[in-house]
Amino acid sequence: MQWLWIGLGVLAGVILVIVVWGALLPKGHSCTVARAYRATPDKVWALITGVEDFPRWRKDLKSVDVHERDADGAPVAWTEHSSFGPLPLRNVEFEAPLRLVGRIDTDKLPFGGTWTYTIENLGDGQVRLSITEDGEVTNVVFRFLSRYAFGHDKTMKAYHGFLAAELES
């Protein structure tokens, strides 16, 4: 019985350290991941704005529901469905085909923020796509985990991997 109490005490201590450490970390962060592709700016732009085709090339998504379109019929607000649950998103700035800013469209998650996509024409049939996440993690446990266990750049690296596979196919 004594070992059970020791184990519970150690577990409580670890949880307390994670909560306190997470509370000491800043809520906001900024992180950029860039990658060069053999493609045109228009091709990359079409992929990153083609919301309804995301589940075809982004293997992390199950489906996408579009909720709002602009005057030209392009999706502006949608929800991505993955194994982590629904994620409502909204595009807030467009400068086709060079810059796009999207944001998480809810305050009910333990995180939020924007992704800024910048497409730079490198010439010779190559472009560089930079994705900058300006995020905020409100939950202190998730803040600790996103900083030390997952990494703020994990989702952006996965996105680039899916995009590279699509462009190479």
N, C-alpha and C. Protein backbone atom coordinates (compact mmCIF):
# COMPACT_ATOMS: atom_id res chain seq x y z
N MET A 1 0.81 -1.20 0.00
CA MET A 1 0.00 0.00 0.00
C MET A 1 0.86 1.27 0.00
N GLN A 2 2.01 1.16 0.67
CA GLN A 2 2.91 2.31 0.73
C GLN A 2 3.40 2.69 -0.67
N TRP A 3 3.66 1.71 -1.55
CA TRP A 3 4.12 1.97 -2.92
C TRP A 3 3.06 2.68 -3.75
N LEU A 4 1.82 2.35 -3.48
CA LEU A 4 0.73 3.02 -4.18
C LEU A 4 0.73 4.52 -3.85
N TRP A 5 0.87 4.85 -2.57
CA TRP A 5 0.88 6.26 -2.16
C TRP A 5 2.11 6.98 -2.71
N ILE A 6 3.24 6.29 -2.74
CA ILE A 6 4.45 6.89 -3.31
C ILE A 6 4.24 7.17 -4.80
N GLY A 7 3.68 6.19 -5.50
CA GLY A 7 3.41 6.35 -6.94
C GLY A 7 2.45 7.49 -7.20
N LEU A 8 1.38 7.58 -6.42
CA LEU A 8 0.42 8.67 -6.58
C LEU A 8 1.06 10.02 -6.27
N GLY A 9 1.93 10.05 -5.26
CA GLY A 9 2.62 11.28 -4.92
C GLY A 9 3.55 11.74 -6.03
N VAL A 10 4.28 10.79 -6.63
CA VAL A 10 5.17 11.13 -7.75
C VAL A 10 4.35 11.63 -8.93
N LEU A 11 3.26 10.96 -9.25
CA LEU A 11 2.39 11.38 -10.35
C LEU A 11 1.84 12.79 -10.10
N ALA A 12 1.38 13.05 -8.89
CA ALA A 12 0.87 14.37 -8.55
C ALA A 12 1.98 15.42 -8.67
N GLY A 13 3.19 15.06 -8.27
CA GLY A 13 4.33 15.98 -8.39
C GLY A 13 4.65 16.30 -9.84
N VAL A 14 4.62 15.30 -10.71
CA VAL A 14 4.89 15.52 -12.13
C VAL A 14 3.82 16.42 -12.74
N ILE A 15 2.57 16.16 -12.40
CA ILE A 15 1.48 16.98 -12.92
C ILE A 15 1.62 18.43 -12.43
N LEU A 16 1.98 18.60 -11.17
CA LEU A 16 2.16 19.94 -10.62
C LEU A 16 3.29 20.68 -11.34
N VAL A 17 4.40 19.99 -11.61
CA VAL A 17 5.52 20.61 -12.33
C VAL A 17 5.08 21.03 -13.73
N ILE A 18 4.34 20.16 -14.43
CA ILE A 18 3.86 20.49 -15.78
C ILE A 18 2.94 21.71 -15.75
N VAL A 19 2.03 21.76 -14.79
CA VAL A 19 1.09 22.89 -14.69
C VAL A 19 1.84 24.19 -14.38
N VAL A 20 2.75 24.16 -13.41
CA VAL A 20 3.48 25.38 -13.04
C VAL A 20 4.38 25.82 -14.17
N TRP A 21 5.12 24.88 -14.77
CA TRP A 21 6.03 25.21 -15.87
C TRP A 21 5.25 25.77 -17.06
N GLY A 22 4.12 25.12 -17.37
CA GLY A 22 3.27 25.61 -18.45
C GLY A 22 2.75 27.00 -18.19
N ALA A 23 2.41 27.30 -16.94
CA ALA A 23 1.90 28.63 -16.59
C ALA A 23 2.99 29.69 -16.73
N LEU A 24 4.25 29.29 -16.57
CA LEU A 24 5.36 30.24 -16.69
C LEU A 24 5.76 30.51 -18.14
N LEU A 25 5.35 29.63 -19.05
CA LEU A 25 5.66 29.83 -20.48
C LEU A 25 4.76 30.92 -21.05
N PRO A 26 5.24 31.67 -22.05
CA PRO A 26 4.37 32.68 -22.67
C PRO A 26 3.22 32.01 -23.42
N LYS A 27 2.06 32.66 -23.41
CA LYS A 27 0.90 32.14 -24.14
C LYS A 27 1.16 32.14 -25.65
N GLY A 28 1.79 33.20 -26.13
CA GLY A 28 1.99 33.37 -27.56
C GLY A 28 3.32 32.81 -28.04
N HIS A 29 3.32 32.42 -29.31
CA HIS A 29 4.55 31.95 -29.96
C HIS A 29 4.47 32.26 -31.45
N SER A 30 5.64 32.30 -32.07
CA SER A 30 5.72 32.47 -33.51
C SER A 30 6.77 31.51 -34.03
N CYS A 31 6.44 30.83 -35.10
CA CYS A 31 7.33 29.81 -35.65
C CYS A 31 7.13 29.76 -37.16
N THR A 32 8.23 29.62 -37.90
CA THR A 32 8.15 29.55 -39.36
C THR A 32 8.83 28.29 -39.86
N VAL A 33 8.17 27.63 -40.81
CA VAL A 33 8.75 26.48 -41.51
C VAL A 33 8.64 26.77 -43.00
N ALA A 34 9.76 26.69 -43.71
CA ALA A 34 9.78 26.97 -45.14
C ALA A 34 10.34 25.78 -45.89
N ARG A 35 9.90 25.64 -47.14
CA ARG A 35 10.38 24.56 -47.99
C ARG A 35 10.28 24.99 -49.45
N ALA A 36 11.26 24.59 -50.23
CA ALA A 36 11.24 24.89 -51.67
C ALA A 36 10.59 23.74 -52.41
N TYR A 37 9.88 24.09 -53.48
CA TYR A 37 9.19 23.10 -54.31
C TYR A 37 9.46 23.40 -55.78
N ARG A 38 9.48 22.36 -56.58
CA ARG A 38 9.54 22.54 -58.02
C ARG A 38 8.10 22.66 -58.49
N ALA A 39 7.64 23.91 -58.58
CA ALA A 39 6.25 24.20 -58.95
C ALA A 39 6.15 25.69 -59.26
N THR A 40 5.01 26.08 -59.80
CA THR A 40 4.75 27.50 -60.04
C THR A 40 4.00 28.07 -58.83
N PRO A 41 4.07 29.38 -58.64
CA PRO A 41 3.27 29.99 -57.57
C PRO A 41 1.78 29.68 -57.72
N ASP A 42 1.28 29.68 -58.96
CA ASP A 42 -0.15 29.39 -59.18
C ASP A 42 -0.52 27.98 -58.76
N LYS A 43 0.35 27.02 -59.01
CA LYS A 43 0.07 25.63 -58.63
C LYS A 43 0.02 25.48 -57.11
N VAL A 44 0.99 26.07 -56.42
CA VAL A 44 0.99 26.00 -54.96
C VAL A 44 -0.22 26.74 -54.40
N TRP A 45 -0.52 27.92 -54.96
CA TRP A 45 -1.67 28.69 -54.52
C TRP A 45 -2.97 27.88 -54.67
N ALA A 46 -3.11 27.22 -55.80
CA ALA A 46 -4.32 26.41 -56.03
C ALA A 46 -4.46 25.31 -54.98
N LEU A 47 -3.36 24.71 -54.60
CA LEU A 47 -3.43 23.65 -53.60
C LEU A 47 -3.75 24.19 -52.20
N ILE A 48 -3.11 25.28 -51.80
CA ILE A 48 -3.32 25.77 -50.44
C ILE A 48 -4.65 26.49 -50.27
N THR A 49 -5.30 26.86 -51.38
CA THR A 49 -6.62 27.50 -51.29
C THR A 49 -7.75 26.57 -51.73
N GLY A 50 -7.42 25.41 -52.26
CA GLY A 50 -8.44 24.46 -52.72
C GLY A 50 -8.98 23.63 -51.57
N VAL A 51 -9.66 24.29 -50.67
CA VAL A 51 -10.14 23.71 -49.41
C VAL A 51 -10.86 22.38 -49.61
N GLU A 52 -11.73 22.31 -50.59
CA GLU A 52 -12.55 21.11 -50.76
C GLU A 52 -11.72 19.90 -51.20
N ASP A 53 -10.53 20.13 -51.75
CA ASP A 53 -9.65 19.04 -52.15
C ASP A 53 -8.65 18.64 -51.06
N PHE A 54 -8.63 19.34 -49.94
CA PHE A 54 -7.67 19.04 -48.88
C PHE A 54 -7.66 17.56 -48.46
N PRO A 55 -8.84 16.94 -48.23
CA PRO A 55 -8.80 15.55 -47.76
C PRO A 55 -8.16 14.58 -48.78
N ARG A 56 -8.11 14.97 -50.05
CA ARG A 56 -7.50 14.11 -51.06
C ARG A 56 -5.99 14.03 -50.89
N TRP A 57 -5.35 15.13 -50.55
CA TRP A 57 -3.88 15.12 -50.46
C TRP A 57 -3.34 15.30 -49.04
N ARG A 58 -4.16 15.77 -48.15
CA ARG A 58 -3.74 15.89 -46.75
C ARG A 58 -4.25 14.67 -46.00
N LYS A 59 -3.37 13.74 -45.77
CA LYS A 59 -3.76 12.46 -45.19
C LYS A 59 -4.20 12.56 -43.73
N ASP A 60 -4.01 13.73 -43.11
CA ASP A 60 -4.44 13.93 -41.73
C ASP A 60 -5.92 14.31 -41.63
N LEU A 61 -6.57 14.57 -42.76
CA LEU A 61 -7.97 15.00 -42.74
C LEU A 61 -8.91 13.90 -43.19
N LYS A 62 -10.06 13.85 -42.52
CA LYS A 62 -11.12 12.94 -42.92
C LYS A 62 -12.07 13.62 -43.90
N SER A 63 -12.42 14.88 -43.59
CA SER A 63 -13.35 15.62 -44.44
C SER A 63 -13.25 17.12 -44.16
N VAL A 64 -13.90 17.90 -45.02
CA VAL A 64 -13.97 19.35 -44.90
C VAL A 64 -15.40 19.78 -45.18
N ASP A 65 -15.94 20.64 -44.33
CA ASP A 65 -17.26 21.24 -44.54
C ASP A 65 -17.08 22.73 -44.76
N VAL A 66 -17.49 23.22 -45.94
CA VAL A 66 -17.40 24.65 -46.24
C VAL A 66 -18.66 25.33 -45.71
N HIS A 67 -18.47 26.45 -44.97
CA HIS A 67 -19.59 27.17 -44.36
C HIS A 67 -19.87 28.51 -45.03
N GLU A 68 -18.85 29.08 -45.65
CA GLU A 68 -19.02 30.42 -46.23
C GLU A 68 -18.11 30.56 -47.45
N ARG A 69 -18.63 31.25 -48.45
CA ARG A 69 -17.87 31.51 -49.68
C ARG A 69 -17.85 33.00 -49.97
N ASP A 70 -16.84 33.45 -50.71
CA ASP A 70 -16.79 34.85 -51.11
C ASP A 70 -17.64 35.06 -52.35
N ALA A 71 -17.64 36.27 -52.89
CA ALA A 71 -18.48 36.61 -54.05
C ALA A 71 -18.12 35.77 -55.28
N ASP A 72 -16.87 35.32 -55.36
CA ASP A 72 -16.44 34.49 -56.50
C ASP A 72 -16.68 33.00 -56.28
N GLY A 73 -17.21 32.63 -55.12
CA GLY A 73 -17.49 31.23 -54.83
C GLY A 73 -16.34 30.51 -54.14
N ALA A 74 -15.25 31.20 -53.82
CA ALA A 74 -14.12 30.56 -53.15
C ALA A 74 -14.43 30.39 -51.66
N PRO A 75 -14.07 29.24 -51.10
CA PRO A 75 -14.30 29.02 -49.67
C PRO A 75 -13.56 30.05 -48.80
N VAL A 76 -14.25 30.58 -47.81
CA VAL A 76 -13.67 31.53 -46.88
C VAL A 76 -13.65 30.95 -45.47
N ALA A 77 -14.70 30.23 -45.10
CA ALA A 77 -14.78 29.61 -43.77
C ALA A 77 -15.17 28.15 -43.92
N TRP A 78 -14.51 27.28 -43.18
CA TRP A 78 -14.75 25.85 -43.28
C TRP A 78 -14.31 25.17 -41.99
N THR A 79 -14.70 23.91 -41.84
CA THR A 79 -14.27 23.09 -40.71
C THR A 79 -13.54 21.87 -41.26
N GLU A 80 -12.33 21.65 -40.75
CA GLU A 80 -11.57 20.44 -41.09
C GLU A 80 -11.85 19.40 -40.02
N HIS A 81 -12.10 18.16 -40.46
CA HIS A 81 -12.36 17.06 -39.53
C HIS A 81 -11.19 16.08 -39.61
N SER A 82 -10.57 15.84 -38.46
CA SER A 82 -9.46 14.90 -38.38
C SER A 82 -9.67 14.01 -37.17
N SER A 83 -8.70 13.16 -36.88
CA SER A 83 -8.81 12.29 -35.72
C SER A 83 -8.78 13.10 -34.42
N PHE A 84 -8.36 14.36 -34.47
CA PHE A 84 -8.34 15.22 -33.29
C PHE A 84 -9.66 15.95 -33.09
N GLY A 85 -10.59 15.81 -34.04
CA GLY A 85 -11.88 16.47 -33.95
C GLY A 85 -12.00 17.60 -34.95
N PRO A 86 -13.08 18.38 -34.85
CA PRO A 86 -13.31 19.46 -35.80
C PRO A 86 -12.43 20.68 -35.50
N LEU A 87 -11.99 21.35 -36.56
CA LEU A 87 -11.19 22.57 -36.43
C LEU A 87 -11.76 23.62 -37.38
N PRO A 88 -12.50 24.62 -36.85
CA PRO A 88 -13.05 25.67 -37.70
C PRO A 88 -11.96 26.66 -38.12
N LEU A 89 -11.92 26.97 -39.40
CA LEU A 89 -10.89 27.87 -39.95
C LEU A 89 -11.53 28.93 -40.84
N ARG A 90 -10.80 30.04 -41.01
CA ARG A 90 -11.28 31.13 -41.85
C ARG A 90 -10.07 31.81 -42.49
N ASN A 91 -10.17 32.06 -43.79
CA ASN A 91 -9.15 32.87 -44.47
C ASN A 91 -9.49 34.33 -44.25
N VAL A 92 -8.48 35.11 -43.81
CA VAL A 92 -8.74 36.51 -43.49
C VAL A 92 -8.00 37.49 -44.40
N GLU A 93 -6.99 37.03 -45.12
CA GLU A 93 -6.26 37.88 -46.07
C GLU A 93 -5.87 37.05 -47.29
N PHE A 94 -6.04 37.64 -48.48
CA PHE A 94 -5.67 37.00 -49.74
C PHE A 94 -4.85 37.98 -50.57
N GLU A 95 -3.73 37.55 -51.08
CA GLU A 95 -2.98 38.29 -52.10
C GLU A 95 -2.51 37.25 -53.13
N ALA A 96 -3.45 36.78 -53.93
CA ALA A 96 -3.15 35.71 -54.87
C ALA A 96 -2.06 36.12 -55.85
N PRO A 97 -1.15 35.27 -56.20
CA PRO A 97 -0.86 33.97 -55.60
C PRO A 97 0.34 34.01 -54.65
N LEU A 98 0.47 35.05 -53.84
CA LEU A 98 1.69 35.21 -53.06
C LEU A 98 1.52 35.14 -51.55
N ARG A 99 0.34 35.48 -51.03
CA ARG A 99 0.20 35.54 -49.57
C ARG A 99 -1.23 35.21 -49.17
N LEU A 100 -1.34 34.41 -48.12
CA LEU A 100 -2.63 34.01 -47.58
C LEU A 100 -2.50 33.95 -46.07
N VAL A 101 -3.49 34.48 -45.37
CA VAL A 101 -3.53 34.39 -43.91
C VAL A 101 -4.83 33.72 -43.52
N GLY A 102 -4.71 32.65 -42.76
CA GLY A 102 -5.87 31.94 -42.23
C GLY A 102 -5.79 31.88 -40.72
N ARG A 103 -6.94 31.78 -40.09
CA ARG A 103 -6.93 31.71 -38.62
C ARG A 103 -7.92 30.66 -38.13
N ILE A 104 -7.68 30.20 -36.94
CA ILE A 104 -8.63 29.31 -36.27
C ILE A 104 -9.83 30.16 -35.90
N ASP A 105 -11.01 29.69 -36.26
CA ASP A 105 -12.23 30.50 -36.18
C ASP A 105 -13.09 30.14 -34.98
N THR A 106 -12.47 29.97 -33.83
CA THR A 106 -13.20 29.72 -32.59
C THR A 106 -12.30 30.07 -31.41
N ASP A 107 -12.92 30.37 -30.30
CA ASP A 107 -12.15 30.60 -29.07
C ASP A 107 -12.42 29.49 -28.05
N LYS A 108 -13.02 28.40 -28.50
CA LYS A 108 -13.39 27.30 -27.62
C LYS A 108 -12.34 26.18 -27.55
N LEU A 109 -11.18 26.39 -28.19
CA LEU A 109 -10.11 25.41 -28.18
C LEU A 109 -8.99 25.89 -27.25
N PRO A 110 -8.12 24.98 -26.78
CA PRO A 110 -7.02 25.40 -25.91
C PRO A 110 -5.89 26.09 -26.67
N PHE A 111 -6.11 26.36 -27.95
CA PHE A 111 -5.11 27.03 -28.78
C PHE A 111 -5.82 27.83 -29.86
N GLY A 112 -5.10 28.73 -30.47
CA GLY A 112 -5.66 29.54 -31.55
C GLY A 112 -4.54 30.28 -32.24
N GLY A 113 -4.90 31.06 -33.24
CA GLY A 113 -3.90 31.85 -33.92
C GLY A 113 -4.07 31.81 -35.43
N THR A 114 -2.99 32.24 -36.11
CA THR A 114 -3.01 32.33 -37.57
C THR A 114 -1.85 31.56 -38.18
N TRP A 115 -2.06 31.20 -39.44
CA TRP A 115 -0.99 30.70 -40.31
C TRP A 115 -0.90 31.68 -41.47
N THR A 116 0.30 32.19 -41.72
CA THR A 116 0.54 33.06 -42.86
C THR A 116 1.37 32.29 -43.87
N TYR A 117 0.80 32.10 -45.05
CA TYR A 117 1.47 31.40 -46.15
C TYR A 117 2.07 32.45 -47.07
N THR A 118 3.36 32.36 -47.32
CA THR A 118 4.03 33.27 -48.24
C THR A 118 4.70 32.46 -49.33
N ILE A 119 4.35 32.74 -50.58
CA ILE A 119 4.92 32.02 -51.73
C ILE A 119 5.90 32.96 -52.42
N GLU A 120 7.13 32.50 -52.53
CA GLU A 120 8.19 33.29 -53.15
C GLU A 120 8.67 32.57 -54.41
N ASN A 121 8.61 33.25 -55.54
CA ASN A 121 9.08 32.67 -56.80
C ASN A 121 10.61 32.73 -56.82
N LEU A 122 11.25 31.56 -56.84
CA LEU A 122 12.71 31.49 -56.84
C LEU A 122 13.29 31.46 -58.24
N GLY A 123 12.42 31.38 -59.26
CA GLY A 123 12.89 31.26 -60.64
C GLY A 123 13.24 29.82 -60.95
N ASP A 124 13.52 29.56 -62.21
CA ASP A 124 13.90 28.22 -62.65
C ASP A 124 12.88 27.16 -62.23
N GLY A 125 11.59 27.55 -62.21
CA GLY A 125 10.53 26.59 -61.91
C GLY A 125 10.43 26.19 -60.45
N GLN A 126 10.96 27.02 -59.56
CA GLN A 126 10.89 26.69 -58.13
C GLN A 126 10.25 27.82 -57.35
N VAL A 127 9.60 27.44 -56.27
CA VAL A 127 9.03 28.39 -55.32
C VAL A 127 9.39 27.96 -53.91
N ARG A 128 9.36 28.93 -53.02
CA ARG A 128 9.51 28.62 -51.60
C ARG A 128 8.21 28.99 -50.91
N LEU A 129 7.65 28.03 -50.18
CA LEU A 129 6.47 28.30 -49.38
C LEU A 129 6.91 28.38 -47.93
N SER A 130 6.69 29.54 -47.33
CA SER A 130 6.95 29.74 -45.90
C SER A 130 5.61 29.78 -45.19
N ILE A 131 5.50 29.05 -44.10
CA ILE A 131 4.30 29.09 -43.27
C ILE A 131 4.74 29.59 -41.90
N THR A 132 4.12 30.68 -41.47
CA THR A 132 4.42 31.25 -40.16
C THR A 132 3.19 31.10 -39.28
N GLU A 133 3.38 30.43 -38.17
CA GLU A 133 2.31 30.28 -37.19
C GLU A 133 2.51 31.32 -36.09
N ASP A 134 1.52 32.18 -35.91
CA ASP A 134 1.47 33.08 -34.78
C ASP A 134 0.34 32.57 -33.91
N GLY A 135 0.72 31.79 -32.90
CA GLY A 135 -0.27 31.08 -32.12
C GLY A 135 -0.32 31.50 -30.67
N GLU A 136 -1.38 31.05 -30.04
CA GLU A 136 -1.58 31.28 -28.62
C GLU A 136 -2.13 29.99 -28.02
N VAL A 137 -1.53 29.56 -26.92
CA VAL A 137 -1.99 28.37 -26.23
C VAL A 137 -2.46 28.80 -24.84
N THR A 138 -3.75 28.71 -24.60
CA THR A 138 -4.33 29.21 -23.35
C THR A 138 -4.27 28.19 -22.21
N ASN A 139 -4.41 26.92 -22.51
CA ASN A 139 -4.37 25.88 -21.49
C ASN A 139 -2.92 25.61 -21.10
N VAL A 140 -2.59 25.71 -19.81
CA VAL A 140 -1.20 25.61 -19.37
C VAL A 140 -0.59 24.22 -19.59
N VAL A 141 -1.39 23.17 -19.46
CA VAL A 141 -0.87 21.82 -19.70
C VAL A 141 -0.58 21.64 -21.19
N PHE A 142 -1.52 22.07 -22.04
CA PHE A 142 -1.32 21.97 -23.48
C PHE A 142 -0.16 22.86 -23.92
N ARG A 143 0.01 24.02 -23.25
CA ARG A 143 1.13 24.92 -23.56
C ARG A 143 2.46 24.22 -23.31
N PHE A 144 2.57 23.52 -22.19
CA PHE A 144 3.79 22.76 -21.87
C PHE A 144 4.02 21.67 -22.92
N LEU A 145 2.96 20.92 -23.21
CA LEU A 145 3.09 19.81 -24.16
C LEU A 145 3.42 20.30 -25.57
N SER A 146 2.76 21.40 -26.00
CA SER A 146 3.02 21.89 -27.36
C SER A 146 4.44 22.42 -27.49
N ARG A 147 5.00 22.90 -26.41
CA ARG A 147 6.37 23.43 -26.45
C ARG A 147 7.41 22.31 -26.38
N TYR A 148 7.20 21.34 -25.47
CA TYR A 148 8.24 20.35 -25.20
C TYR A 148 7.97 18.96 -25.75
N ALA A 149 6.73 18.58 -25.92
CA ALA A 149 6.43 17.23 -26.40
C ALA A 149 6.17 17.19 -27.90
N PHE A 150 5.35 18.13 -28.40
CA PHE A 150 4.98 18.11 -29.81
C PHE A 150 5.89 19.01 -30.64
N GLY A 151 6.12 20.20 -30.16
CA GLY A 151 6.84 21.22 -30.93
C GLY A 151 5.84 22.08 -31.66
N HIS A 152 6.08 23.39 -31.66
CA HIS A 152 5.16 24.31 -32.33
C HIS A 152 5.15 24.11 -33.84
N ASP A 153 6.19 23.50 -34.38
CA ASP A 153 6.31 23.36 -35.84
C ASP A 153 5.84 22.02 -36.39
N LYS A 154 5.37 21.13 -35.54
CA LYS A 154 5.01 19.78 -35.98
C LYS A 154 3.94 19.77 -37.07
N THR A 155 2.87 20.53 -36.88
CA THR A 155 1.78 20.53 -37.85
C THR A 155 2.21 21.15 -39.17
N MET A 156 3.04 22.20 -39.10
CA MET A 156 3.52 22.83 -40.33
C MET A 156 4.44 21.89 -41.11
N LYS A 157 5.29 21.16 -40.40
CA LYS A 157 6.17 20.19 -41.08
C LYS A 157 5.35 19.09 -41.74
N ALA A 158 4.31 18.62 -41.06
CA ALA A 158 3.44 17.60 -41.66
C ALA A 158 2.73 18.16 -42.89
N TYR A 159 2.25 19.39 -42.82
CA TYR A 159 1.58 20.04 -43.95
C TYR A 159 2.53 20.11 -45.15
N HIS A 160 3.76 20.54 -44.92
CA HIS A 160 4.74 20.59 -46.01
C HIS A 160 4.99 19.19 -46.59
N GLY A 161 5.03 18.19 -45.74
CA GLY A 161 5.22 16.83 -46.23
C GLY A 161 4.08 16.38 -47.14
N PHE A 162 2.85 16.65 -46.74
CA PHE A 162 1.70 16.30 -47.58
C PHE A 162 1.71 17.08 -48.89
N LEU A 163 2.06 18.37 -48.80
CA LEU A 163 2.12 19.21 -50.01
C LEU A 163 3.19 18.71 -50.95
N ALA A 164 4.35 18.36 -50.43
CA ALA A 164 5.45 17.84 -51.27
C ALA A 164 5.01 16.56 -51.97
N ALA A 165 4.36 15.67 -51.25
CA ALA A 165 3.91 14.42 -51.87
C ALA A 165 2.92 14.69 -52.99
N GLU A 166 2.03 15.66 -52.79
CA GLU A 166 1.04 16.00 -53.82
C GLU A 166 1.71 16.62 -55.04
N LEU A 167 2.66 17.51 -54.81
CA LEU A 167 3.33 18.17 -55.94
C LEU A 167 4.23 17.20 -56.71
N GLU A 168 4.75 16.18 -56.06
CA GLU A 168 5.62 15.22 -56.71
C GLU A 168 4.85 14.12 -57.41
N SER A 169 3.56 14.02 -57.13
CA SER A 169 2.76 12.94 -57.75
C SER A 169 2.33 13.29 -59.15
